[in-house]
């Protein structure tokens, strides 16, 4: 797993920060923003929320879940993320299997790394790097750094243009220290599917989520 390839604490903090930045609060996101402005606005809003809310900072899974359910869908193409992580088997999966895969994948991310919120310090900030390429492109990469720790941590986003998002953009992947999250999970999921099929992957994710919940 990725968390074994880079320091687990750094990976956990960065992944949770990235995931929470995906929650973005719609009232502060202006329509048709440039992608780098969109990420900066979300970053500032989410870090401010974490600083002010002890339950979020403590990794309260229920409260994080409410944020995901109420804010996530307008700013993240979670279906695309899940489909890309599952790979070719996604197209052969039934609608019910696809629904379960999305639910379990989302829960995996939330449960596996919610505890990292307690590591987010008040001095943390997000620096957005200059955008490469034209803003008119339908897909762009926005590069950022999480600052405030012993050294900056790279966190990059892949965004697509979307008429369904308040900002005009939706996130569909992010990169932690050179590792794209969806690509990393695709390798793991492919092994499960080859061995046990789609239902086997769903069962494995479900069991992992239940195990994390018991900790």
C-alpha atoms as a PDB file:
ATOM      1  CA  UNK A   1       0.000   0.000   0.000  1.00  0.00           C
ATOM      2  CA  UNK A   2       1.065   3.624  -0.481  1.00  0.00           C
ATOM      3  CA  UNK A   3       1.217   4.236   3.259  1.00  0.00           C
ATOM      4  CA  UNK A   4       4.096   1.730   3.406  1.00  0.00           C
ATOM      5  CA  UNK A   5       6.019   3.401   0.617  1.00  0.00           C
ATOM      6  CA  UNK A   6       6.124   6.820   2.299  1.00  0.00           C
ATOM      7  CA  UNK A   7       5.995   7.713   6.016  1.00  0.00           C
ATOM      8  CA  UNK A   8       2.532   6.727   7.262  1.00  0.00           C
ATOM      9  CA  UNK A   9       2.024   9.870   9.331  1.00  0.00           C
ATOM     10  CA  UNK A  10       2.871  12.131   6.376  1.00  0.00           C
ATOM     11  CA  UNK A  11       0.676  10.054   4.054  1.00  0.00           C
ATOM     12  CA  UNK A  12      -2.257  10.086   6.474  1.00  0.00           C
ATOM     13  CA  UNK A  13      -2.152  13.817   7.088  1.00  0.00           C
ATOM     14  CA  UNK A  14      -1.780  14.599   3.396  1.00  0.00           C
ATOM     15  CA  UNK A  15      -4.511  12.209   2.272  1.00  0.00           C
ATOM     16  CA  UNK A  16      -6.989  13.483   4.833  1.00  0.00           C
ATOM     17  CA  UNK A  17      -6.132  17.076   3.996  1.00  0.00           C
ATOM     18  CA  UNK A  18      -6.658  16.290   0.322  1.00  0.00           C
ATOM     19  CA  UNK A  19      -9.904  14.469   0.983  1.00  0.00           C
ATOM     20  CA  UNK A  20     -11.266  17.251   3.152  1.00  0.00           C
ATOM     21  CA  UNK A  21     -10.254  19.887   0.637  1.00  0.00           C
ATOM     22  CA  UNK A  22     -12.506  18.001  -1.748  1.00  0.00           C
ATOM     23  CA  UNK A  23     -15.468  18.814   0.498  1.00  0.00           C
ATOM     24  CA  UNK A  24     -15.319  22.533  -0.315  1.00  0.00           C
ATOM     25  CA  UNK A  25     -18.049  24.844   0.970  1.00  0.00           C
ATOM     26  CA  UNK A  26     -20.215  26.012  -1.928  1.00  0.00           C
ATOM     27  CA  UNK A  27     -20.985  29.520  -0.552  1.00  0.00           C
ATOM     28  CA  UNK A  28     -17.330  30.582  -0.802  1.00  0.00           C
ATOM     29  CA  UNK A  29     -16.704  29.133  -4.281  1.00  0.00           C
ATOM     30  CA  UNK A  30     -17.512  31.596  -7.020  1.00  0.00           C
ATOM     31  CA  UNK A  31     -18.871  30.315 -10.326  1.00  0.00           C
ATOM     32  CA  UNK A  32     -16.404  29.751 -13.152  1.00  0.00           C
ATOM     33  CA  UNK A  33     -13.285  30.276 -11.073  1.00  0.00           C
ATOM     34  CA  UNK A  34      -9.847  29.474 -12.405  1.00  0.00           C
ATOM     35  CA  UNK A  35      -8.845  26.001 -11.159  1.00  0.00           C
ATOM     36  CA  UNK A  36      -5.991  27.268  -8.972  1.00  0.00           C
ATOM     37  CA  UNK A  37      -8.290  29.865  -7.385  1.00  0.00           C
ATOM     38  CA  UNK A  38     -10.868  27.138  -6.780  1.00  0.00           C
ATOM     39  CA  UNK A  39      -8.345  24.958  -4.921  1.00  0.00           C
ATOM     40  CA  UNK A  40      -7.019  27.908  -2.891  1.00  0.00           C
ATOM     41  CA  UNK A  41     -10.523  28.933  -1.819  1.00  0.00           C
ATOM     42  CA  UNK A  42     -11.357  25.397  -0.733  1.00  0.00           C
ATOM     43  CA  UNK A  43      -8.054  25.039   1.088  1.00  0.00           C
ATOM     44  CA  UNK A  44      -8.532  28.167   3.142  1.00  0.00           C
ATOM     45  CA  UNK A  45     -12.130  27.302   3.990  1.00  0.00           C
ATOM     46  CA  UNK A  46     -11.484  23.710   5.040  1.00  0.00           C
ATOM     47  CA  UNK A  47      -8.416  24.449   7.156  1.00  0.00           C
ATOM     48  CA  UNK A  48     -10.388  27.182   8.907  1.00  0.00           C
ATOM     49  CA  UNK A  49     -13.229  24.719   9.567  1.00  0.00           C
ATOM     50  CA  UNK A  50     -10.840  22.171  11.080  1.00  0.00           C
ATOM     51  CA  UNK A  51      -9.188  24.765  13.312  1.00  0.00           C
ATOM     52  CA  UNK A  52     -12.536  25.942  14.686  1.00  0.00           C
ATOM     53  CA  UNK A  53     -14.316  22.599  15.087  1.00  0.00           C
ATOM     54  CA  UNK A  54     -12.905  20.280  17.801  1.00  0.00           C
ATOM     55  CA  UNK A  55     -14.995  17.344  16.519  1.00  0.00           C
ATOM     56  CA  UNK A  56     -13.505  17.607  13.031  1.00  0.00           C
ATOM     57  CA  UNK A  57     -10.006  18.024  14.428  1.00  0.00           C
ATOM     58  CA  UNK A  58     -10.515  14.932  16.557  1.00  0.00           C
ATOM     59  CA  UNK A  59     -11.493  12.924  13.470  1.00  0.00           C
ATOM     60  CA  UNK A  60     -15.185  12.507  14.377  1.00  0.00           C
ATOM     61  CA  UNK A  61     -16.245  10.056  11.675  1.00  0.00           C
ATOM     62  CA  UNK A  62     -19.937  10.897  11.881  1.00  0.00           C
ATOM     63  CA  UNK A  63     -19.319  14.607  11.445  1.00  0.00           C
ATOM     64  CA  UNK A  64     -16.860  14.015   8.622  1.00  0.00           C
ATOM     65  CA  UNK A  65     -19.447  11.748   6.998  1.00  0.00           C
ATOM     66  CA  UNK A  66     -22.057  14.507   7.109  1.00  0.00           C
ATOM     67  CA  UNK A  67     -19.625  16.866   5.409  1.00  0.00           C
ATOM     68  CA  UNK A  68     -18.899  14.303   2.721  1.00  0.00           C
ATOM     69  CA  UNK A  69     -22.565  13.609   2.051  1.00  0.00           C
ATOM     70  CA  UNK A  70     -23.590  17.273   1.947  1.00  0.00           C
ATOM     71  CA  UNK A  71     -20.578  18.856   0.240  1.00  0.00           C
ATOM     72  CA  UNK A  72     -18.636  16.214  -1.654  1.00  0.00           C
ATOM     73  CA  UNK A  73     -20.752  15.508  -4.703  1.00  0.00           C
ATOM     74  CA  UNK A  74     -20.642  19.001  -6.199  1.00  0.00           C
ATOM     75  CA  UNK A  75     -16.842  19.234  -6.128  1.00  0.00           C
ATOM     76  CA  UNK A  76     -15.611  15.684  -6.696  1.00  0.00           C
ATOM     77  CA  UNK A  77     -16.385  13.225  -9.466  1.00  0.00           C
ATOM     78  CA  UNK A  78     -16.430  10.308  -7.073  1.00  0.00           C
ATOM     79  CA  UNK A  79     -17.940   7.953  -9.643  1.00  0.00           C
ATOM     80  CA  UNK A  80     -15.013   8.620 -11.969  1.00  0.00           C
ATOM     81  CA  UNK A  81     -12.563   8.082  -9.100  1.00  0.00           C
ATOM     82  CA  UNK A  82     -14.134   4.759  -8.169  1.00  0.00           C
ATOM     83  CA  UNK A  83     -14.443   3.584 -11.769  1.00  0.00           C
ATOM     84  CA  UNK A  84     -10.797   4.411 -12.433  1.00  0.00           C
ATOM     85  CA  UNK A  85      -9.692   2.625  -9.252  1.00  0.00           C
ATOM     86  CA  UNK A  86     -11.697  -0.503 -10.138  1.00  0.00           C
ATOM     87  CA  UNK A  87     -10.436  -0.493 -13.737  1.00  0.00           C
ATOM     88  CA  UNK A  88     -11.969  -2.491 -16.636  1.00  0.00           C
ATOM     89  CA  UNK A  89     -14.136  -4.553 -14.279  1.00  0.00           C
ATOM     90  CA  UNK A  90     -16.208  -1.428 -13.575  1.00  0.00           C
ATOM     91  CA  UNK A  91     -17.884  -1.660 -16.995  1.00  0.00           C
ATOM     92  CA  UNK A  92     -18.927  -5.261 -16.350  1.00  0.00           C
ATOM     93  CA  UNK A  93     -20.243  -4.516 -12.861  1.00  0.00           C
ATOM     94  CA  UNK A  94     -23.999  -4.243 -12.364  1.00  0.00           C
ATOM     95  CA  UNK A  95     -25.523  -0.918 -11.227  1.00  0.00           C
ATOM     96  CA  UNK A  96     -25.914  -2.362  -7.722  1.00  0.00           C
ATOM     97  CA  UNK A  97     -22.278  -3.484  -7.655  1.00  0.00           C
ATOM     98  CA  UNK A  98     -21.149  -0.053  -8.839  1.00  0.00           C
ATOM     99  CA  UNK A  99     -23.191   1.580  -6.096  1.00  0.00           C
ATOM    100  CA  UNK A 100     -21.667  -0.701  -3.447  1.00  0.00           C
ATOM    101  CA  UNK A 101     -18.161  -0.095  -4.763  1.00  0.00           C
ATOM    102  CA  UNK A 102     -18.614   3.663  -4.508  1.00  0.00           C
ATOM    103  CA  UNK A 103     -20.018   3.403  -0.987  1.00  0.00           C
ATOM    104  CA  UNK A 104     -17.271   1.109   0.279  1.00  0.00           C
ATOM    105  CA  UNK A 105     -14.472   3.059  -1.427  1.00  0.00           C
ATOM    106  CA  UNK A 106     -15.683   6.307   0.104  1.00  0.00           C
ATOM    107  CA  UNK A 107     -15.960   4.695   3.524  1.00  0.00           C
ATOM    108  CA  UNK A 108     -12.487   3.188   3.167  1.00  0.00           C
ATOM    109  CA  UNK A 109     -10.980   6.620   2.640  1.00  0.00           C
ATOM    110  CA  UNK A 110     -12.958   8.159   5.493  1.00  0.00           C
ATOM    111  CA  UNK A 111     -12.359   5.434   8.068  1.00  0.00           C
ATOM    112  CA  UNK A 112      -8.753   4.716   7.217  1.00  0.00           C
ATOM    113  CA  UNK A 113      -7.519   8.262   7.602  1.00  0.00           C
ATOM    114  CA  UNK A 114      -9.985  10.224   9.747  1.00  0.00           C
ATOM    115  CA  UNK A 115      -7.616  10.036  12.721  1.00  0.00           C
ATOM    116  CA  UNK A 116      -5.077  12.136  10.829  1.00  0.00           C
ATOM    117  CA  UNK A 117      -7.209  15.234  11.404  1.00  0.00           C
ATOM    118  CA  UNK A 118      -5.890  15.383  14.951  1.00  0.00           C
ATOM    119  CA  UNK A 119      -2.456  16.019  13.397  1.00  0.00           C
ATOM    120  CA  UNK A 120      -3.571  19.156  11.537  1.00  0.00           C
ATOM    121  CA  UNK A 121      -1.992  22.099  13.351  1.00  0.00           C
ATOM    122  CA  UNK A 122      -3.185  25.689  13.471  1.00  0.00           C
ATOM    123  CA  UNK A 123      -0.096  26.881  11.605  1.00  0.00           C
ATOM    124  CA  UNK A 124      -0.740  24.651   8.577  1.00  0.00           C
ATOM    125  CA  UNK A 125      -1.377  26.429   5.291  1.00  0.00           C
ATOM    126  CA  UNK A 126      -1.783  25.519   1.619  1.00  0.00           C
ATOM    127  CA  UNK A 127       0.357  27.167  -1.039  1.00  0.00           C
ATOM    128  CA  UNK A 128      -0.916  26.836  -4.607  1.00  0.00           C
ATOM    129  CA  UNK A 129       1.831  26.780  -7.229  1.00  0.00           C
ATOM    130  CA  UNK A 130       1.614  28.623 -10.571  1.00  0.00           C
ATOM    131  CA  UNK A 131      -0.727  26.860 -12.972  1.00  0.00           C
ATOM    132  CA  UNK A 132       0.799  25.066 -15.946  1.00  0.00           C
ATOM    133  CA  UNK A 133      -1.096  25.056 -19.224  1.00  0.00           C
ATOM    134  CA  UNK A 134      -4.108  27.063 -20.329  1.00  0.00           C
ATOM    135  CA  UNK A 135      -7.099  27.561 -18.038  1.00  0.00           C
ATOM    136  CA  UNK A 136      -9.304  26.876 -21.071  1.00  0.00           C
ATOM    137  CA  UNK A 137      -8.276  23.200 -21.075  1.00  0.00           C
ATOM    138  CA  UNK A 138     -10.949  20.722 -20.008  1.00  0.00           C
ATOM    139  CA  UNK A 139      -8.584  18.912 -17.612  1.00  0.00           C
ATOM    140  CA  UNK A 140      -5.775  20.485 -15.584  1.00  0.00           C
ATOM    141  CA  UNK A 141      -3.400  19.646 -12.747  1.00  0.00           C
ATOM    142  CA  UNK A 142      -3.213  22.056  -9.806  1.00  0.00           C
ATOM    143  CA  UNK A 143      -0.077  21.646  -7.703  1.00  0.00           C
ATOM    144  CA  UNK A 144       0.003  22.625  -4.033  1.00  0.00           C
ATOM    145  CA  UNK A 145       2.143  22.282  -0.918  1.00  0.00           C
ATOM    146  CA  UNK A 146       1.021  21.750   2.664  1.00  0.00           C
ATOM    147  CA  UNK A 147       3.245  23.966   4.792  1.00  0.00           C
ATOM    148  CA  UNK A 148       3.688  24.197   8.537  1.00  0.00           C
ATOM    149  CA  UNK A 149       5.357  20.871   9.274  1.00  0.00           C
ATOM    150  CA  UNK A 150       9.053  20.077   9.309  1.00  0.00           C
ATOM    151  CA  UNK A 151       9.078  20.274   5.517  1.00  0.00           C
ATOM    152  CA  UNK A 152       6.514  21.038   2.774  1.00  0.00           C
ATOM    153  CA  UNK A 153       4.390  18.139   1.535  1.00  0.00           C
ATOM    154  CA  UNK A 154       3.366  18.029  -2.130  1.00  0.00           C
ATOM    155  CA  UNK A 155      -0.325  17.553  -2.897  1.00  0.00           C
ATOM    156  CA  UNK A 156      -1.557  17.849  -6.495  1.00  0.00           C
ATOM    157  CA  UNK A 157      -5.063  17.631  -7.953  1.00  0.00           C
ATOM    158  CA  UNK A 158      -6.464  16.526 -11.286  1.00  0.00           C
ATOM    159  CA  UNK A 159      -9.526  18.560 -12.171  1.00  0.00           C
ATOM    160  CA  UNK A 160     -12.068  18.375 -14.969  1.00  0.00           C
ATOM    161  CA  UNK A 161     -14.377  21.083 -16.209  1.00  0.00           C
ATOM    162  CA  UNK A 162     -17.947  20.448 -15.098  1.00  0.00           C
ATOM    163  CA  UNK A 163     -21.174  22.360 -15.588  1.00  0.00           C
ATOM    164  CA  UNK A 164     -22.578  20.516 -12.553  1.00  0.00           C
ATOM    165  CA  UNK A 165     -20.131  22.079 -10.077  1.00  0.00           C
ATOM    166  CA  UNK A 166     -20.597  25.520  -8.529  1.00  0.00           C
ATOM    167  CA  UNK A 167     -16.980  26.354  -9.293  1.00  0.00           C
ATOM    168  CA  UNK A 168     -17.008  24.953 -12.819  1.00  0.00           C
ATOM    169  CA  UNK A 169     -14.491  22.257 -11.807  1.00  0.00           C
ATOM    170  CA  UNK A 170     -14.533  18.834 -10.181  1.00  0.00           C
ATOM    171  CA  UNK A 171     -11.671  16.842  -8.665  1.00  0.00           C
ATOM    172  CA  UNK A 172     -11.135  13.270  -9.858  1.00  0.00           C
ATOM    173  CA  UNK A 173      -7.696  12.328  -8.503  1.00  0.00           C
ATOM    174  CA  UNK A 174      -4.937  13.667  -6.301  1.00  0.00           C
ATOM    175  CA  UNK A 175      -1.226  13.032  -5.945  1.00  0.00           C
ATOM    176  CA  UNK A 176       0.633  12.644  -2.652  1.00  0.00           C
ATOM    177  CA  UNK A 177       4.413  12.913  -2.894  1.00  0.00           C
ATOM    178  CA  UNK A 178       4.404  11.632  -6.465  1.00  0.00           C
ATOM    179  CA  UNK A 179       1.783   8.887  -5.984  1.00  0.00           C
ATOM    180  CA  UNK A 180      -1.639   9.272  -7.611  1.00  0.00           C
ATOM    181  CA  UNK A 181      -4.264   7.933  -5.214  1.00  0.00           C
ATOM    182  CA  UNK A 182      -6.563   6.328  -7.785  1.00  0.00           C
ATOM    183  CA  UNK A 183      -3.683   4.669  -9.645  1.00  0.00           C
ATOM    184  CA  UNK A 184      -2.374   3.208  -6.402  1.00  0.00           C
ATOM    185  CA  UNK A 185      -5.730   1.720  -5.481  1.00  0.00           C
ATOM    186  CA  UNK A 186      -6.195   0.337  -9.004  1.00  0.00           C
ATOM    187  CA  UNK A 187      -3.228  -1.982  -8.458  1.00  0.00           C
ATOM    188  CA  UNK A 188      -4.663  -3.263  -5.178  1.00  0.00           C
ATOM    189  CA  UNK A 189      -8.204  -3.638  -6.500  1.00  0.00           C
ATOM    190  CA  UNK A 190      -7.027  -5.424  -9.643  1.00  0.00           C
ATOM    191  CA  UNK A 191      -5.417  -8.120  -7.519  1.00  0.00           C
ATOM    192  CA  UNK A 192      -8.617  -8.606  -5.522  1.00  0.00           C
ATOM    193  CA  UNK A 193     -10.804  -8.730  -8.647  1.00  0.00           C
ATOM    194  CA  UNK A 194      -8.515 -11.227 -10.380  1.00  0.00           C
ATOM    195  CA  UNK A 195      -8.641 -13.484  -7.334  1.00  0.00           C
ATOM    196  CA  UNK A 196     -12.233 -13.069  -6.145  1.00  0.00           C
ATOM    197  CA  UNK A 197     -14.218 -11.048  -8.710  1.00  0.00           C
ATOM    198  CA  UNK A 198     -16.121  -7.803  -8.167  1.00  0.00           C
ATOM    199  CA  UNK A 199     -18.213  -9.237  -5.343  1.00  0.00           C
ATOM    200  CA  UNK A 200     -15.003 -10.384  -3.687  1.00  0.00           C
ATOM    201  CA  UNK A 201     -13.595  -6.856  -3.852  1.00  0.00           C
ATOM    202  CA  UNK A 202     -16.794  -5.457  -2.347  1.00  0.00           C
ATOM    203  CA  UNK A 203     -16.618  -8.024   0.457  1.00  0.00           C
ATOM    204  CA  UNK A 204     -12.959  -7.221   1.129  1.00  0.00           C
ATOM    205  CA  UNK A 205     -13.618  -3.473   1.277  1.00  0.00           C
ATOM    206  CA  UNK A 206     -16.635  -4.006   3.515  1.00  0.00           C
ATOM    207  CA  UNK A 207     -14.649  -6.163   5.935  1.00  0.00           C
ATOM    208  CA  UNK A 208     -11.789  -3.677   5.989  1.00  0.00           C
ATOM    209  CA  UNK A 209     -14.202  -0.863   6.786  1.00  0.00           C
ATOM    210  CA  UNK A 210     -15.791  -2.871   9.583  1.00  0.00           C
ATOM    211  CA  UNK A 211     -12.351  -3.688  10.976  1.00  0.00           C
ATOM    212  CA  UNK A 212     -11.339  -0.016  10.925  1.00  0.00           C
ATOM    213  CA  UNK A 213     -14.592   0.861  12.657  1.00  0.00           C
ATOM    214  CA  UNK A 214     -13.838  -1.519  15.526  1.00  0.00           C
ATOM    215  CA  UNK A 215     -10.477   0.122  16.242  1.00  0.00           C
END
